[in-house]
C-alpha atoms as a PDB file:
ATOM      1  CA  MET A   1      -6.189 -50.194-170.907  1.00  0.00           C
ATOM      2  CA  PRO A   2      -4.326 -51.809-168.056  1.00  0.00           C
ATOM      3  CA  MET A   3      -2.636 -54.731-168.479  1.00  0.00           C
ATOM      4  CA  LYS A   4      -4.310 -58.201-167.040  1.00  0.00           C
ATOM      5  CA  SER A   5      -1.717 -60.078-164.238  1.00  0.00           C
ATOM      6  CA  LEU A   6      -1.017 -63.517-165.702  1.00  0.00           C
ATOM      7  CA  SER A   7      -2.213 -66.764-163.056  1.00  0.00           C
ATOM      8  CA  LYS A   8       0.698 -67.713-160.919  1.00  0.00           C
ATOM      9  CA  ALA A   9      -1.449 -71.310-160.398  1.00  0.00           C
ATOM     10  CA  LYS A  10       0.528 -74.137-160.028  1.00  0.00           C
ATOM     11  CA  PRO A  11       0.330 -76.397-163.272  1.00  0.00           C
ATOM     12  CA  LYS A  12      -1.661 -79.839-162.231  1.00  0.00           C
ATOM     13  CA  ALA A  13       0.527 -83.114-161.662  1.00  0.00           C
ATOM     14  CA  LEU A  14       0.609 -85.906-164.336  1.00  0.00           C
ATOM     15  CA  ALA A  15      -1.372 -89.008-163.176  1.00  0.00           C
ATOM     16  CA  VAL A  16       0.438 -92.121-162.506  1.00  0.00           C
ATOM     17  CA  PRO A  17      -0.606 -95.615-162.033  1.00  0.00           C
ATOM     18  CA  ARG A  18      -0.243 -96.703-158.589  1.00  0.00           C
ATOM     19  CA  ALA A  19      -0.159 -99.884-156.897  1.00  0.00           C
ATOM     20  CA  PRO A  20      -3.324-101.756-156.315  1.00  0.00           C
ATOM     21  CA  SER A  21      -3.534-101.749-152.694  1.00  0.00           C
ATOM     22  CA  GLY A  22      -2.809 -99.019-150.029  1.00  0.00           C
ATOM     23  CA  LYS A  23       0.208 -98.752-148.286  1.00  0.00           C
ATOM     24  CA  SER A  24       0.167-102.129-146.616  1.00  0.00           C
ATOM     25  CA  LYS A  25       3.452-104.197-146.357  1.00  0.00           C
ATOM     26  CA  SER A  26       3.639-107.224-148.057  1.00  0.00           C
ATOM     27  CA  PRO A  27       5.884-110.020-146.932  1.00  0.00           C
ATOM     28  CA  VAL A  28       8.485-109.287-150.080  1.00  0.00           C
ATOM     29  CA  ALA A  29      11.693-108.716-148.019  1.00  0.00           C
ATOM     30  CA  GLY A  30      10.172-105.809-146.124  1.00  0.00           C
ATOM     31  CA  GLU A  31       9.323-104.349-149.545  1.00  0.00           C
ATOM     32  CA  SER A  32       6.281-102.484-149.995  1.00  0.00           C
ATOM     33  CA  ARG A  33       3.509-103.378-152.400  1.00  0.00           C
ATOM     34  CA  GLU A  34       4.086-100.437-154.412  1.00  0.00           C
ATOM     35  CA  VAL A  35       7.616-100.726-154.604  1.00  0.00           C
ATOM     36  CA  ARG A  36       6.788-104.582-156.195  1.00  0.00           C
ATOM     37  CA  PHE A  37       4.438-102.921-158.255  1.00  0.00           C
ATOM     38  CA  ALA A  38       6.885-100.371-159.816  1.00  0.00           C
ATOM     39  CA  MET A  39       9.567-103.429-160.297  1.00  0.00           C
ATOM     40  CA  ILE A  40       7.219-105.485-161.841  1.00  0.00           C
ATOM     41  CA  ARG A  41       6.346-102.420-164.369  1.00  0.00           C
ATOM     42  CA  GLU A  42       9.375-101.630-164.871  1.00  0.00           C
ATOM     43  CA  ALA A  43      10.475-105.321-165.783  1.00  0.00           C
ATOM     44  CA  ALA A  44       7.531-106.017-167.960  1.00  0.00           C
ATOM     45  CA  TYR A  45       8.484-103.051-170.054  1.00  0.00           C
ATOM     46  CA  PHE A  46      11.617-104.245-170.562  1.00  0.00           C
ATOM     47  CA  HIS A  47      10.632-107.737-171.025  1.00  0.00           C
ATOM     48  CA  ALA A  48       8.677-106.255-173.741  1.00  0.00           C
ATOM     49  CA  LEU A  49      11.298-103.962-175.514  1.00  0.00           C
ATOM     50  CA  ASN A  50      13.151-107.387-175.946  1.00  0.00           C
ATOM     51  CA  ALA A  51      10.492-108.688-177.547  1.00  0.00           C
ATOM     52  CA  GLY A  52      10.452-106.146-179.921  1.00  0.00           C
ATOM     53  CA  PHE A  53       6.631-104.703-178.409  1.00  0.00           C
ATOM     54  CA  THR A  54       5.481-108.262-180.210  1.00  0.00           C
ATOM     55  CA  GLY A  55       3.625-110.879-177.960  1.00  0.00           C
ATOM     56  CA  ASP A  56       1.448-111.071-175.412  1.00  0.00           C
ATOM     57  CA  SER A  57       1.338-108.041-172.837  1.00  0.00           C
ATOM     58  CA  ALA A  58       0.090-110.550-169.799  1.00  0.00           C
ATOM     59  CA  GLU A  59       3.119-112.878-170.690  1.00  0.00           C
ATOM     60  CA  HIS A  60       5.651-109.926-170.162  1.00  0.00           C
ATOM     61  CA  TRP A  61       3.847-109.055-166.847  1.00  0.00           C
ATOM     62  CA  PHE A  62       4.290-112.787-165.640  1.00  0.00           C
ATOM     63  CA  ALA A  63       7.764-113.262-166.427  1.00  0.00           C
ATOM     64  CA  ALA A  64       8.681-109.619-164.996  1.00  0.00           C
ATOM     65  CA  GLU A  65       6.458-110.768-161.653  1.00  0.00           C
ATOM     66  CA  ARG A  66       8.280-114.408-161.770  1.00  0.00           C
ATOM     67  CA  GLU A  67      11.703-112.245-162.062  1.00  0.00           C
ATOM     68  CA  ILE A  68      11.034-110.160-159.323  1.00  0.00           C
ATOM     69  CA  ASP A  69       9.827-112.132-156.922  1.00  0.00           C
ATOM     70  CA  ARG A  70      13.324-114.314-157.889  1.00  0.00           C
ATOM     71  CA  LEU A  71      14.738-111.419-156.740  1.00  0.00           C
ATOM     72  CA  LEU A  72      13.325-110.201-153.651  1.00  0.00           C
ATOM     73  CA  GLY A  73      13.567-113.918-152.695  1.00  0.00           C
ATOM     74  CA  ARG A  74      10.139-114.921-152.799  1.00  0.00           C
ATOM     75  CA  ALA A  75      10.189-117.557-155.293  1.00  0.00           C
END
């Protein structure tokens, strides 16, 4: 009986959350909205980590926004 060949289909990419508004530039030191969003997302994770993943996730996010805006000279 002949063997069937295995398909060489490419694996599907994992879905990655995207920043909320296209590729328009924000007035934040020339950084795109996607870059700012990614920076806030990562900072919010570390805020939550430092708090032992307790507390309000929105507060972690808002603290991260303030931190990143300060870093980018927006605040």
